[in-house]
Amino acid sequence: MAVANETIIQKMMDELQQAKEKQGDSGNMTKHIEHVRLLCDLLLKETEEEKVSVPASSQEITQEEMKAMLGKQAEQVKPATSKRTVIDHDGANGESLFDF
């Protein structure tokens, strides 16, 4: 649930007013200033998220981009073929344990 920027700014002004009233008590004043800082961080985070949002269509990688990223490595990759030697023991005639 998003909070309106006006609401956050109003809460910041309320906290600043309370901090101004509590100037003699540094503990309470510091507490209100920390609340203002928290509200500032909240407001800044919301604006950063709005700027960073990227359309879903631009997140997909095309074939040209994939080739550019992988370079020649993609062309050189071949499926590994294993070379097994077949050993003939006492009439065994296959690679499987069940070949008799």
PDB file of N, CA and C in Angstrom:
ATOM      1  N   MET A   1       0.847  -1.177   0.000  1.00  0.00           N
ATOM      2  CA  MET A   1       0.000   0.000   0.000  1.00  0.00           C
ATOM      3  C   MET A   1       0.887   1.233   0.000  1.00  0.00           C
ATOM      4  N   ALA A   2       0.729   2.060  -0.996  1.00  0.00           N
ATOM      5  CA  ALA A   2       1.544   3.255  -1.133  1.00  0.00           C
ATOM      6  C   ALA A   2       0.950   4.396  -0.301  1.00  0.00           C
ATOM      7  N   VAL A   3       1.839   5.173   0.272  1.00  0.00           N
ATOM      8  CA  VAL A   3       1.437   6.332   1.063  1.00  0.00           C
ATOM      9  C   VAL A   3       1.702   7.564   0.211  1.00  0.00           C
ATOM     10  N   ALA A   4       0.752   8.476   0.202  1.00  0.00           N
ATOM     11  CA  ALA A   4       0.885   9.686  -0.598  1.00  0.00           C
ATOM     12  C   ALA A   4       2.046  10.538  -0.085  1.00  0.00           C
ATOM     13  N   ASN A   5       2.731  11.168  -1.011  1.00  0.00           N
ATOM     14  CA  ASN A   5       3.865  12.032  -0.647  1.00  0.00           C
ATOM     15  C   ASN A   5       3.428  13.162   0.278  1.00  0.00           C
ATOM     16  N   GLU A   6       2.243  13.695   0.051  1.00  0.00           N
ATOM     17  CA  GLU A   6       1.734  14.771   0.909  1.00  0.00           C
ATOM     18  C   GLU A   6       1.605  14.302   2.355  1.00  0.00           C
ATOM     19  N   THR A   7       1.183  13.064   2.552  1.00  0.00           N
ATOM     20  CA  THR A   7       1.037  12.523   3.904  1.00  0.00           C
ATOM     21  C   THR A   7       2.401  12.406   4.579  1.00  0.00           C
ATOM     22  N   ILE A   8       3.387  11.933   3.836  1.00  0.00           N
ATOM     23  CA  ILE A   8       4.740  11.794   4.391  1.00  0.00           C
ATOM     24  C   ILE A   8       5.302  13.157   4.758  1.00  0.00           C
ATOM     25  N   ILE A   9       5.120  14.125   3.873  1.00  0.00           N
ATOM     26  CA  ILE A   9       5.643  15.478   4.132  1.00  0.00           C
ATOM     27  C   ILE A   9       4.940  16.092   5.352  1.00  0.00           C
ATOM     28  N   GLN A  10       3.656  15.866   5.475  1.00  0.00           N
ATOM     29  CA  GLN A  10       2.924  16.387   6.630  1.00  0.00           C
ATOM     30  C   GLN A  10       3.447  15.763   7.922  1.00  0.00           C
ATOM     31  N   LYS A  11       3.712  14.453   7.910  1.00  0.00           N
ATOM     32  CA  LYS A  11       4.272  13.785   9.097  1.00  0.00           C
ATOM     33  C   LYS A  11       5.660  14.335   9.411  1.00  0.00           C
ATOM     34  N   MET A  12       6.443  14.626   8.388  1.00  0.00           N
ATOM     35  CA  MET A  12       7.769  15.208   8.608  1.00  0.00           C
ATOM     36  C   MET A  12       7.651  16.566   9.287  1.00  0.00           C
ATOM     37  N   MET A  13       6.703  17.379   8.828  1.00  0.00           N
ATOM     38  CA  MET A  13       6.515  18.704   9.424  1.00  0.00           C
ATOM     39  C   MET A  13       6.051  18.585  10.871  1.00  0.00           C
ATOM     40  N   ASP A  14       5.188  17.608  11.160  1.00  0.00           N
ATOM     41  CA  ASP A  14       4.736  17.396  12.544  1.00  0.00           C
ATOM     42  C   ASP A  14       5.910  16.998  13.438  1.00  0.00           C
ATOM     43  N   GLU A  15       6.750  16.090  12.951  1.00  0.00           N
ATOM     44  CA  GLU A  15       7.909  15.652  13.732  1.00  0.00           C
ATOM     45  C   GLU A  15       8.893  16.796  13.946  1.00  0.00           C
ATOM     46  N   LEU A  16       9.097  17.628  12.926  1.00  0.00           N
ATOM     47  CA  LEU A  16       9.984  18.789  13.082  1.00  0.00           C
ATOM     48  C   LEU A  16       9.429  19.771  14.112  1.00  0.00           C
ATOM     49  N   GLN A  17       8.128  19.967  14.093  1.00  0.00           N
ATOM     50  CA  GLN A  17       7.507  20.862  15.071  1.00  0.00           C
ATOM     51  C   GLN A  17       7.703  20.320  16.489  1.00  0.00           C
ATOM     52  N   GLN A  18       7.524  19.005  16.660  1.00  0.00           N
ATOM     53  CA  GLN A  18       7.716  18.406  17.983  1.00  0.00           C
ATOM     54  C   GLN A  18       9.184  18.481  18.403  1.00  0.00           C
ATOM     55  N   ALA A  19      10.101  18.320  17.452  1.00  0.00           N
ATOM     56  CA  ALA A  19      11.526  18.430  17.769  1.00  0.00           C
ATOM     57  C   ALA A  19      11.859  19.856  18.200  1.00  0.00           C
ATOM     58  N   LYS A  20      11.243  20.831  17.537  1.00  0.00           N
ATOM     59  CA  LYS A  20      11.480  22.234  17.887  1.00  0.00           C
ATOM     60  C   LYS A  20      10.976  22.536  19.298  1.00  0.00           C
ATOM     61  N   GLU A  21       9.850  21.933  19.663  1.00  0.00           N
ATOM     62  CA  GLU A  21       9.294  22.139  21.001  1.00  0.00           C
ATOM     63  C   GLU A  21      10.153  21.477  22.086  1.00  0.00           C
ATOM     64  N   LYS A  22      10.859  20.404  21.748  1.00  0.00           N
ATOM     65  CA  LYS A  22      11.643  19.632  22.721  1.00  0.00           C
ATOM     66  C   LYS A  22      13.136  19.975  22.651  1.00  0.00           C
ATOM     67  N   GLN A  23      13.500  21.183  22.258  1.00  0.00           N
ATOM     68  CA  GLN A  23      14.913  21.555  22.124  1.00  0.00           C
ATOM     69  C   GLN A  23      15.680  21.412  23.430  1.00  0.00           C
ATOM     70  N   GLY A  24      15.052  21.606  24.539  1.00  0.00           N
ATOM     71  CA  GLY A  24      15.726  21.496  25.828  1.00  0.00           C
ATOM     72  C   GLY A  24      16.062  20.052  26.186  1.00  0.00           C
ATOM     73  N   ASP A  25      15.274  19.103  25.735  1.00  0.00           N
ATOM     74  CA  ASP A  25      15.477  17.681  26.029  1.00  0.00           C
ATOM     75  C   ASP A  25      16.103  17.018  24.796  1.00  0.00           C
ATOM     76  N   SER A  26      17.417  16.822  24.845  1.00  0.00           N
ATOM     77  CA  SER A  26      18.107  16.335  23.653  1.00  0.00           C
ATOM     78  C   SER A  26      17.681  14.923  23.265  1.00  0.00           C
ATOM     79  N   GLY A  27      17.294  14.081  24.234  1.00  0.00           N
ATOM     80  CA  GLY A  27      16.866  12.710  23.933  1.00  0.00           C
ATOM     81  C   GLY A  27      15.597  12.684  23.097  1.00  0.00           C
ATOM     82  N   ASN A  28      14.599  13.455  23.532  1.00  0.00           N
ATOM     83  CA  ASN A  28      13.335  13.510  22.786  1.00  0.00           C
ATOM     84  C   ASN A  28      13.519  14.210  21.441  1.00  0.00           C
ATOM     85  N   MET A  29      14.327  15.266  21.416  1.00  0.00           N
ATOM     86  CA  MET A  29      14.552  15.970  20.157  1.00  0.00           C
ATOM     87  C   MET A  29      15.220  15.034  19.148  1.00  0.00           C
ATOM     88  N   THR A  30      16.204  14.262  19.620  1.00  0.00           N
ATOM     89  CA  THR A  30      16.901  13.326  18.736  1.00  0.00           C
ATOM     90  C   THR A  30      15.940  12.280  18.204  1.00  0.00           C
ATOM     91  N   LYS A  31      15.027  11.811  19.038  1.00  0.00           N
ATOM     92  CA  LYS A  31      14.038  10.817  18.615  1.00  0.00           C
ATOM     93  C   LYS A  31      13.179  11.365  17.475  1.00  0.00           C
ATOM     94  N   HIS A  32      12.751  12.606  17.570  1.00  0.00           N
ATOM     95  CA  HIS A  32      11.914  13.201  16.521  1.00  0.00           C
ATOM     96  C   HIS A  32      12.716  13.444  15.238  1.00  0.00           C
ATOM     97  N   ILE A  33      13.972  13.822  15.400  1.00  0.00           N
ATOM     98  CA  ILE A  33      14.827  14.015  14.221  1.00  0.00           C
ATOM     99  C   ILE A  33      15.052  12.674  13.508  1.00  0.00           C
ATOM    100  N   GLU A  34      15.195  11.599  14.281  1.00  0.00           N
ATOM    101  CA  GLU A  34      15.338  10.272  13.676  1.00  0.00           C
ATOM    102  C   GLU A  34      14.070   9.879  12.922  1.00  0.00           C
ATOM    103  N   HIS A  35      12.928  10.255  13.438  1.00  0.00           N
ATOM    104  CA  HIS A  35      11.673   9.989  12.729  1.00  0.00           C
ATOM    105  C   HIS A  35      11.635  10.744  11.404  1.00  0.00           C
ATOM    106  N   VAL A  36      12.120  11.977  11.406  1.00  0.00           N
ATOM    107  CA  VAL A  36      12.163  12.761  10.172  1.00  0.00           C
ATOM    108  C   VAL A  36      13.086  12.076   9.163  1.00  0.00           C
ATOM    109  N   ARG A  37      14.222  11.595   9.639  1.00  0.00           N
ATOM    110  CA  ARG A  37      15.163  10.901   8.763  1.00  0.00           C
ATOM    111  C   ARG A  37      14.513   9.660   8.148  1.00  0.00           C
ATOM    112  N   LEU A  38      13.789   8.912   8.955  1.00  0.00           N
ATOM    113  CA  LEU A  38      13.102   7.720   8.478  1.00  0.00           C
ATOM    114  C   LEU A  38      12.071   8.078   7.404  1.00  0.00           C
ATOM    115  N   LEU A  39      11.333   9.131   7.643  1.00  0.00           N
ATOM    116  CA  LEU A  39      10.338   9.563   6.657  1.00  0.00           C
ATOM    117  C   LEU A  39      11.010  10.049   5.371  1.00  0.00           C
ATOM    118  N   CYS A  40      12.159  10.706   5.493  1.00  0.00           N
ATOM    119  CA  CYS A  40      12.909  11.130   4.309  1.00  0.00           C
ATOM    120  C   CYS A  40      13.376   9.921   3.503  1.00  0.00           C
ATOM    121  N   ASP A  41      13.899   8.910   4.198  1.00  0.00           N
ATOM    122  CA  ASP A  41      14.340   7.696   3.518  1.00  0.00           C
ATOM    123  C   ASP A  41      13.178   7.018   2.793  1.00  0.00           C
ATOM    124  N   LEU A  42      12.024   7.000   3.434  1.00  0.00           N
ATOM    125  CA  LEU A  42      10.838   6.410   2.823  1.00  0.00           C
ATOM    126  C   LEU A  42      10.452   7.162   1.556  1.00  0.00           C
ATOM    127  N   LEU A  43      10.455   8.471   1.631  1.00  0.00           N
ATOM    128  CA  LEU A  43      10.097   9.297   0.473  1.00  0.00           C
ATOM    129  C   LEU A  43      11.106   9.125  -0.652  1.00  0.00           C
ATOM    130  N   LEU A  44      12.388   9.087  -0.321  1.00  0.00           N
ATOM    131  CA  LEU A  44      13.422   8.919  -1.347  1.00  0.00           C
ATOM    132  C   LEU A  44      13.354   7.534  -1.982  1.00  0.00           C
ATOM    133  N   LYS A  45      13.057   6.517  -1.201  1.00  0.00           N
ATOM    134  CA  LYS A  45      12.963   5.166  -1.738  1.00  0.00           C
ATOM    135  C   LYS A  45      11.830   5.060  -2.746  1.00  0.00           C
ATOM    136  N   GLU A  46      10.701   5.679  -2.456  1.00  0.00           N
ATOM    137  CA  GLU A  46       9.570   5.653  -3.384  1.00  0.00           C
ATOM    138  C   GLU A  46       9.924   6.322  -4.701  1.00  0.00           C
ATOM    139  N   THR A  47      10.624   7.453  -4.655  1.00  0.00           N
ATOM    140  CA  THR A  47      10.978   8.142  -5.898  1.00  0.00           C
ATOM    141  C   THR A  47      12.020   7.359  -6.686  1.00  0.00           C
ATOM    142  N   GLU A  48      12.941   6.657  -5.992  1.00  0.00           N
ATOM    143  CA  GLU A  48      13.926   5.838  -6.688  1.00  0.00           C
ATOM    144  C   GLU A  48      13.265   4.666  -7.387  1.00  0.00           C
ATOM    145  N   GLU A  49      12.289   4.040  -6.741  1.00  0.00           N
ATOM    146  CA  GLU A  49      11.596   2.905  -7.339  1.00  0.00           C
ATOM    147  C   GLU A  49      10.829   3.327  -8.578  1.00  0.00           C
ATOM    148  N   GLU A  50      10.286   4.527  -8.588  1.00  0.00           N
ATOM    149  CA  GLU A  50       9.574   5.018  -9.758  1.00  0.00           C
ATOM    150  C   GLU A  50      10.533   5.226 -10.920  1.00  0.00           C
ATOM    151  N   LYS A  51      11.744   5.706 -10.636  1.00  0.00           N
ATOM    152  CA  LYS A  51      12.726   5.953 -11.692  1.00  0.00           C
ATOM    153  C   LYS A  51      13.302   4.659 -12.250  1.00  0.00           C
ATOM    154  N   VAL A  52      13.478   3.658 -11.389  1.00  0.00           N
ATOM    155  CA  VAL A  52      14.158   2.428 -11.766  1.00  0.00           C
ATOM    156  C   VAL A  52      13.260   1.470 -12.528  1.00  0.00           C
ATOM    157  N   SER A  53      11.960   1.571 -12.379  1.00  0.00           N
ATOM    158  CA  SER A  53      11.075   0.598 -13.011  1.00  0.00           C
ATOM    159  C   SER A  53      11.310   0.570 -14.515  1.00  0.00           C
ATOM    160  N   VAL A  54      11.553  -0.644 -15.027  1.00  0.00           N
ATOM    161  CA  VAL A  54      11.876  -0.854 -16.434  1.00  0.00           C
ATOM    162  C   VAL A  54      10.737  -1.634 -17.066  1.00  0.00           C
ATOM    163  N   PRO A  55      10.320  -1.264 -18.262  1.00  0.00           N
ATOM    164  CA  PRO A  55       9.263  -2.028 -18.912  1.00  0.00           C
ATOM    165  C   PRO A  55       9.677  -3.485 -19.112  1.00  0.00           C
ATOM    166  N   ALA A  56       8.725  -4.397 -18.988  1.00  0.00           N
ATOM    167  CA  ALA A  56       9.011  -5.827 -19.083  1.00  0.00           C
ATOM    168  C   ALA A  56       9.537  -6.208 -20.459  1.00  0.00           C
ATOM    169  N   SER A  57       9.117  -5.514 -21.496  1.00  0.00           N
ATOM    170  CA  SER A  57       9.545  -5.873 -22.849  1.00  0.00           C
ATOM    171  C   SER A  57      11.036  -5.632 -23.061  1.00  0.00           C
ATOM    172  N   SER A  58      11.635  -4.701 -22.344  1.00  0.00           N
ATOM    173  CA  SER A  58      13.061  -4.417 -22.520  1.00  0.00           C
ATOM    174  C   SER A  58      13.942  -5.336 -21.690  1.00  0.00           C
ATOM    175  N   GLN A  59      13.351  -6.210 -20.859  1.00  0.00           N
ATOM    176  CA  GLN A  59      14.129  -7.107 -20.021  1.00  0.00           C
ATOM    177  C   GLN A  59      14.520  -8.389 -20.741  1.00  0.00           C
ATOM    178  N   GLU A  60      13.915  -8.695 -21.881  1.00  0.00           N
ATOM    179  CA  GLU A  60      14.224  -9.913 -22.605  1.00  0.00           C
ATOM    180  C   GLU A  60      15.497  -9.727 -23.421  1.00  0.00           C
ATOM    181  N   ILE A  61      16.278 -10.796 -23.533  1.00  0.00           N
ATOM    182  CA  ILE A  61      17.548 -10.743 -24.254  1.00  0.00           C
ATOM    183  C   ILE A  61      17.341 -11.302 -25.649  1.00  0.00           C
ATOM    184  N   THR A  62      17.782 -10.567 -26.652  1.00  0.00           N
ATOM    185  CA  THR A  62      17.658 -11.035 -28.030  1.00  0.00           C
ATOM    186  C   THR A  62      18.832 -11.944 -28.377  1.00  0.00           C
ATOM    187  N   GLN A  63      18.711 -12.640 -29.499  1.00  0.00           N
ATOM    188  CA  GLN A  63      19.772 -13.541 -29.951  1.00  0.00           C
ATOM    189  C   GLN A  63      21.064 -12.770 -30.239  1.00  0.00           C
ATOM    190  N   GLU A  64      20.950 -11.579 -30.809  1.00  0.00           N
ATOM    191  CA  GLU A  64      22.141 -10.778 -31.110  1.00  0.00           C
ATOM    192  C   GLU A  64      22.862 -10.381 -29.822  1.00  0.00           C
ATOM    193  N   GLU A  65      22.083  -9.998 -28.802  1.00  0.00           N
ATOM    194  CA  GLU A  65      22.686  -9.632 -27.524  1.00  0.00           C
ATOM    195  C   GLU A  65      23.373 -10.835 -26.882  1.00  0.00           C
ATOM    196  N   MET A  66      22.750 -12.005 -26.986  1.00  0.00           N
ATOM    197  CA  MET A  66      23.332 -13.213 -26.413  1.00  0.00           C
ATOM    198  C   MET A  66      24.652 -13.549 -27.107  1.00  0.00           C
ATOM    199  N   LYS A  67      24.683 -13.430 -28.432  1.00  0.00           N
ATOM    200  CA  LYS A  67      25.926 -13.696 -29.166  1.00  0.00           C
ATOM    201  C   LYS A  67      27.007 -12.693 -28.786  1.00  0.00           C
ATOM    202  N   ALA A  68      26.610 -11.430 -28.606  1.00  0.00           N
ATOM    203  CA  ALA A  68      27.581 -10.402 -28.241  1.00  0.00           C
ATOM    204  C   ALA A  68      28.150 -10.657 -26.847  1.00  0.00           C
ATOM    205  N   MET A  69      27.317 -11.123 -25.932  1.00  0.00           N
ATOM    206  CA  MET A  69      27.780 -11.366 -24.570  1.00  0.00           C
ATOM    207  C   MET A  69      28.674 -12.596 -24.486  1.00  0.00           C
ATOM    208  N   LEU A  70      28.305 -13.643 -25.201  1.00  0.00           N
ATOM    209  CA  LEU A  70      29.068 -14.882 -25.122  1.00  0.00           C
ATOM    210  C   LEU A  70      30.258 -14.912 -26.072  1.00  0.00           C
ATOM    211  N   GLY A  71      30.168 -14.184 -27.154  1.00  0.00           N
ATOM    212  CA  GLY A  71      31.272 -14.132 -28.111  1.00  0.00           C
ATOM    213  C   GLY A  71      31.497 -15.471 -28.788  1.00  0.00           C
ATOM    214  N   LYS A  72      32.752 -15.815 -28.999  1.00  0.00           N
ATOM    215  CA  LYS A  72      33.101 -17.048 -29.690  1.00  0.00           C
ATOM    216  C   LYS A  72      32.877 -18.277 -28.822  1.00  0.00           C
ATOM    217  N   GLN A  73      32.743 -18.068 -27.544  1.00  0.00           N
ATOM    218  CA  GLN A  73      32.549 -19.186 -26.626  1.00  0.00           C
ATOM    219  C   GLN A  73      31.293 -19.973 -26.982  1.00  0.00           C
ATOM    220  N   ALA A  74      30.236 -19.323 -27.396  1.00  0.00           N
ATOM    221  CA  ALA A  74      28.990 -20.006 -27.718  1.00  0.00           C
ATOM    222  C   ALA A  74      29.158 -20.909 -28.935  1.00  0.00           C
ATOM    223  N   GLU A  75      29.982 -20.485 -29.877  1.00  0.00           N
ATOM    224  CA  GLU A  75      30.191 -21.285 -31.075  1.00  0.00           C
ATOM    225  C   GLU A  75      31.057 -22.504 -30.786  1.00  0.00           C
ATOM    226  N   GLN A  76      31.935 -22.397 -29.806  1.00  0.00           N
ATOM    227  CA  GLN A  76      32.875 -23.470 -29.525  1.00  0.00           C
ATOM    228  C   GLN A  76      32.287 -24.555 -28.633  1.00  0.00           C
ATOM    229  N   VAL A  77      31.194 -24.278 -27.980  1.00  0.00           N
ATOM    230  CA  VAL A  77      30.617 -25.249 -27.064  1.00  0.00           C
ATOM    231  C   VAL A  77      29.978 -26.374 -27.865  1.00  0.00           C
ATOM    232  N   LYS A  78      30.411 -27.593 -27.604  1.00  0.00           N
ATOM    233  CA  LYS A  78      29.863 -28.771 -28.267  1.00  0.00           C
ATOM    234  C   LYS A  78      29.442 -29.749 -27.191  1.00  0.00           C
ATOM    235  N   PRO A  79      28.444 -30.551 -27.487  1.00  0.00           N
ATOM    236  CA  PRO A  79      28.046 -31.524 -26.478  1.00  0.00           C
ATOM    237  C   PRO A  79      29.157 -32.526 -26.221  1.00  0.00           C
ATOM    238  N   ALA A  80      29.350 -32.843 -24.966  1.00  0.00           N
ATOM    239  CA  ALA A  80      30.416 -33.759 -24.587  1.00  0.00           C
ATOM    240  C   ALA A  80      30.020 -35.181 -24.956  1.00  0.00           C
ATOM    241  N   THR A  81      30.916 -35.848 -25.623  1.00  0.00           N
ATOM    242  CA  THR A  81      30.678 -37.251 -25.947  1.00  0.00           C
ATOM    243  C   THR A  81      31.650 -38.066 -25.138  1.00  0.00           C
ATOM    244  N   SER A  82      31.099 -39.014 -24.447  1.00  0.00           N
ATOM    245  CA  SER A  82      31.968 -39.838 -23.615  1.00  0.00           C
ATOM    246  C   SER A  82      32.349 -41.085 -24.398  1.00  0.00           C
ATOM    247  N   LYS A  83      33.599 -41.417 -24.319  1.00  0.00           N
ATOM    248  CA  LYS A  83      34.106 -42.609 -24.988  1.00  0.00           C
ATOM    249  C   LYS A  83      34.298 -43.678 -23.932  1.00  0.00           C
ATOM    250  N   ARG A  84      33.442 -44.667 -23.976  1.00  0.00           N
ATOM    251  CA  ARG A  84      33.534 -45.753 -23.015  1.00  0.00           C
ATOM    252  C   ARG A  84      34.149 -46.965 -23.709  1.00  0.00           C
ATOM    253  N   THR A  85      34.930 -47.611 -22.962  1.00  0.00           N
ATOM    254  CA  THR A  85      35.505 -48.839 -23.505  1.00  0.00           C
ATOM    255  C   THR A  85      34.679 -50.005 -23.021  1.00  0.00           C
ATOM    256  N   VAL A  86      34.371 -50.869 -23.933  1.00  0.00           N
ATOM    257  CA  VAL A  86      33.586 -52.051 -23.592  1.00  0.00           C
ATOM    258  C   VAL A  86      34.546 -53.163 -23.223  1.00  0.00           C
ATOM    259  N   ILE A  87      34.374 -53.669 -22.036  1.00  0.00           N
ATOM    260  CA  ILE A  87      35.230 -54.754 -21.564  1.00  0.00           C
ATOM    261  C   ILE A  87      34.415 -56.036 -21.576  1.00  0.00           C
ATOM    262  N   ASP A  88      34.968 -57.050 -22.170  1.00  0.00           N
ATOM    263  CA  ASP A  88      34.264 -58.320 -22.269  1.00  0.00           C
ATOM    264  C   ASP A  88      34.722 -59.234 -21.143  1.00  0.00           C
ATOM    265  N   HIS A  89      33.849 -59.422 -20.169  1.00  0.00           N
ATOM    266  CA  HIS A  89      34.147 -60.297 -19.036  1.00  0.00           C
ATOM    267  C   HIS A  89      33.206 -61.485 -19.052  1.00  0.00           C
ATOM    268  N   ASP A  90      33.737 -62.611 -19.102  1.00  0.00           N
ATOM    269  CA  ASP A  90      32.988 -63.859 -18.964  1.00  0.00           C
ATOM    270  C   ASP A  90      31.680 -63.874 -19.759  1.00  0.00           C
ATOM    271  N   GLY A  91      31.756 -63.480 -20.955  1.00  0.00           N
ATOM    272  CA  GLY A  91      30.593 -63.583 -21.819  1.00  0.00           C
ATOM    273  C   GLY A  91      29.659 -62.392 -21.758  1.00  0.00           C
ATOM    274  N   ALA A  92      30.029 -61.320 -21.048  1.00  0.00           N
ATOM    275  CA  ALA A  92      29.186 -60.114 -21.032  1.00  0.00           C
ATOM    276  C   ALA A  92      29.259 -59.477 -22.401  1.00  0.00           C
ATOM    277  N   ASN A  93      28.130 -58.981 -22.899  1.00  0.00           N
ATOM    278  CA  ASN A  93      28.153 -58.458 -24.259  1.00  0.00           C
ATOM    279  C   ASN A  93      27.576 -57.049 -24.367  1.00  0.00           C
ATOM    280  N   GLY A  94      27.579 -56.260 -23.318  1.00  0.00           N
ATOM    281  CA  GLY A  94      27.075 -54.895 -23.423  1.00  0.00           C
ATOM    282  C   GLY A  94      27.573 -54.015 -22.292  1.00  0.00           C
ATOM    283  N   GLU A  95      27.173 -52.734 -22.365  1.00  0.00           N
ATOM    284  CA  GLU A  95      27.613 -51.762 -21.356  1.00  0.00           C
ATOM    285  C   GLU A  95      26.752 -51.829 -20.107  1.00  0.00           C
ATOM    286  N   SER A  96      25.536 -52.343 -20.199  1.00  0.00           N
ATOM    287  CA  SER A  96      24.628 -52.371 -19.064  1.00  0.00           C
ATOM    288  C   SER A  96      24.904 -53.577 -18.177  1.00  0.00           C
ATOM    289  N   LEU A  97      24.554 -53.446 -16.914  1.00  0.00           N
ATOM    290  CA  LEU A  97      24.688 -54.571 -15.992  1.00  0.00           C
ATOM    291  C   LEU A  97      23.732 -55.709 -16.330  1.00  0.00           C
ATOM    292  N   PHE A  98      22.663 -55.336 -17.040  1.00  0.00           N
ATOM    293  CA  PHE A  98      21.646 -56.335 -17.333  1.00  0.00           C
ATOM    294  C   PHE A  98      21.829 -56.991 -18.700  1.00  0.00           C
ATOM    295  N   ASP A  99      22.870 -56.602 -19.421  1.00  0.00           N
ATOM    296  CA  ASP A  99      23.148 -57.255 -20.709  1.00  0.00           C
ATOM    297  C   ASP A  99      23.899 -58.549 -20.424  1.00  0.00           C
ATOM    298  N   PHE A 100      23.334 -59.668 -20.819  1.00  0.00           N
ATOM    299  CA  PHE A 100      23.973 -60.965 -20.577  1.00  0.00           C
ATOM    300  C   PHE A 100      24.416 -61.600 -21.860  1.00  0.00           C
TER     301      PHE A 100
END
